[in-house]
Protein backbone atom coordinates (compact mmCIF):
# COMPACT_ATOMS: atom_id res chain seq x y z
CA UNK A 1 177.38 -31.85 118.89
CA UNK A 2 177.46 -30.67 122.18
CA UNK A 3 175.71 -33.30 124.59
CA UNK A 4 175.86 -30.97 127.73
CA UNK A 5 172.39 -29.96 129.03
CA UNK A 6 171.11 -26.66 130.67
CA UNK A 7 168.24 -26.78 133.33
CA UNK A 8 166.23 -24.28 135.09
CA UNK A 9 164.09 -25.08 138.20
CA UNK A 10 161.87 -22.52 139.76
CA UNK A 11 160.38 -22.54 143.34
CA UNK A 12 157.56 -20.81 143.93
CA UNK A 13 157.41 -20.51 147.66
CA UNK A 14 154.27 -20.02 150.09
CA UNK A 15 154.63 -16.15 151.47
CA UNK A 16 157.33 -16.33 154.32
CA UNK A 17 159.04 -19.47 153.18
CA UNK A 18 162.36 -18.12 152.15
CA UNK A 19 164.25 -18.99 155.03
CA UNK A 20 162.78 -22.19 155.28
CA UNK A 21 163.50 -23.02 151.58
CA UNK A 22 167.09 -21.72 151.79
CA UNK A 23 167.38 -24.36 154.84
CA UNK A 24 165.83 -27.04 152.85
CA UNK A 25 167.96 -26.47 149.66
CA UNK A 26 171.41 -25.80 150.95
CA UNK A 27 172.16 -29.67 151.69
CA UNK A 28 171.17 -30.79 148.53
CA UNK A 29 173.23 -27.98 146.65
CA UNK A 30 176.20 -28.82 148.38
CA UNK A 31 175.59 -32.67 147.35
CA UNK A 32 174.78 -32.03 143.96
CA UNK A 33 178.19 -29.80 143.40
CA UNK A 34 180.02 -32.83 144.01
CA UNK A 35 178.35 -34.97 141.85
CA UNK A 36 180.34 -36.25 138.43
CA UNK A 37 179.08 -34.28 135.74
CA UNK A 38 177.72 -31.29 137.44
CA UNK A 39 179.40 -28.32 135.82
CA UNK A 40 176.93 -25.66 137.35
CA UNK A 41 174.69 -26.01 140.18
CA UNK A 42 173.53 -22.29 141.46
CA UNK A 43 170.05 -21.40 143.16
CA UNK A 44 169.24 -17.75 142.83
CA UNK A 45 166.57 -15.76 145.12
CA UNK A 46 164.37 -13.06 143.73
CA UNK A 47 165.33 -9.72 144.93
CA UNK A 48 161.88 -8.60 144.83
CA UNK A 49 160.08 -11.99 145.58
CA UNK A 50 162.00 -13.15 148.40
CA UNK A 51 159.80 -16.54 148.37
CA UNK A 52 160.69 -17.25 144.68
CA UNK A 53 163.80 -19.17 143.92
CA UNK A 54 165.24 -20.34 140.86
CA UNK A 55 168.14 -23.19 139.97
CA UNK A 56 170.47 -22.65 136.95
CA UNK A 57 171.93 -25.72 136.48
CA UNK A 58 174.45 -26.90 133.65
CA UNK A 59 175.28 -30.93 133.43
CA UNK A 60 177.63 -32.92 131.18
CA UNK A 61 174.97 -35.04 129.67
CA UNK A 62 171.31 -36.15 129.82
CA UNK A 63 172.36 -39.45 131.49
CA UNK A 64 174.14 -37.59 134.20
CA UNK A 65 171.25 -35.56 134.79
CA UNK A 66 169.03 -38.26 134.97
CA UNK A 67 171.37 -40.04 137.76
CA UNK A 68 171.01 -36.57 139.52
CA UNK A 69 167.45 -37.18 139.22
CA UNK A 70 167.35 -40.33 140.96
CA UNK A 71 169.66 -39.12 143.78
CA UNK A 72 168.59 -39.09 147.48
CA UNK A 73 169.74 -35.64 148.11
CA UNK A 74 167.34 -34.64 145.31
CA UNK A 75 164.21 -36.71 146.41
CA UNK A 76 164.64 -35.33 150.17
CA UNK A 77 164.68 -31.76 149.08
CA UNK A 78 161.84 -32.25 146.62
CA UNK A 79 159.94 -33.89 149.38
CA UNK A 80 160.83 -31.16 152.06
CA UNK A 81 159.63 -28.48 149.48
CA UNK A 82 156.17 -29.76 148.91
CA UNK A 83 154.83 -28.34 152.21
CA UNK A 84 156.67 -24.97 151.45
CA UNK A 85 155.64 -24.36 148.03
CA UNK A 86 152.36 -23.27 146.24
CA UNK A 87 153.28 -25.45 143.28
CA UNK A 88 155.38 -28.35 142.44
CA UNK A 89 158.92 -27.72 141.22
CA UNK A 90 159.00 -26.18 137.71
CA UNK A 91 161.77 -27.94 135.69
CA UNK A 92 162.70 -26.60 132.11
CA UNK A 93 165.29 -28.51 130.04
CA UNK A 94 167.41 -26.13 127.76
CA UNK A 95 169.16 -26.73 124.62
CA UNK A 96 171.57 -24.25 122.95
CA UNK A 97 170.00 -22.59 119.83
CA UNK A 98 172.87 -20.40 118.51
């Protein structure tokens, strides 16, 4: 049985916040992609709602994801996003069904 885990995280930015969100997320994306066990870490921007972003992540294990959750770069990003978003980051942990 596979122990890897997929994550989808949604950033719902305030109107006009797209460029600021990109600036805040870039350092975290760069640092996260270097983390051991990070298999995929992409930030996508909605084409029709430019202040809406979605992280698509793939991690080797729940334990590695937990380490990422404690990383300084993730904590800094979440703190900086607070003033740019209409609600906290919405995170979903996913498992394969088929």
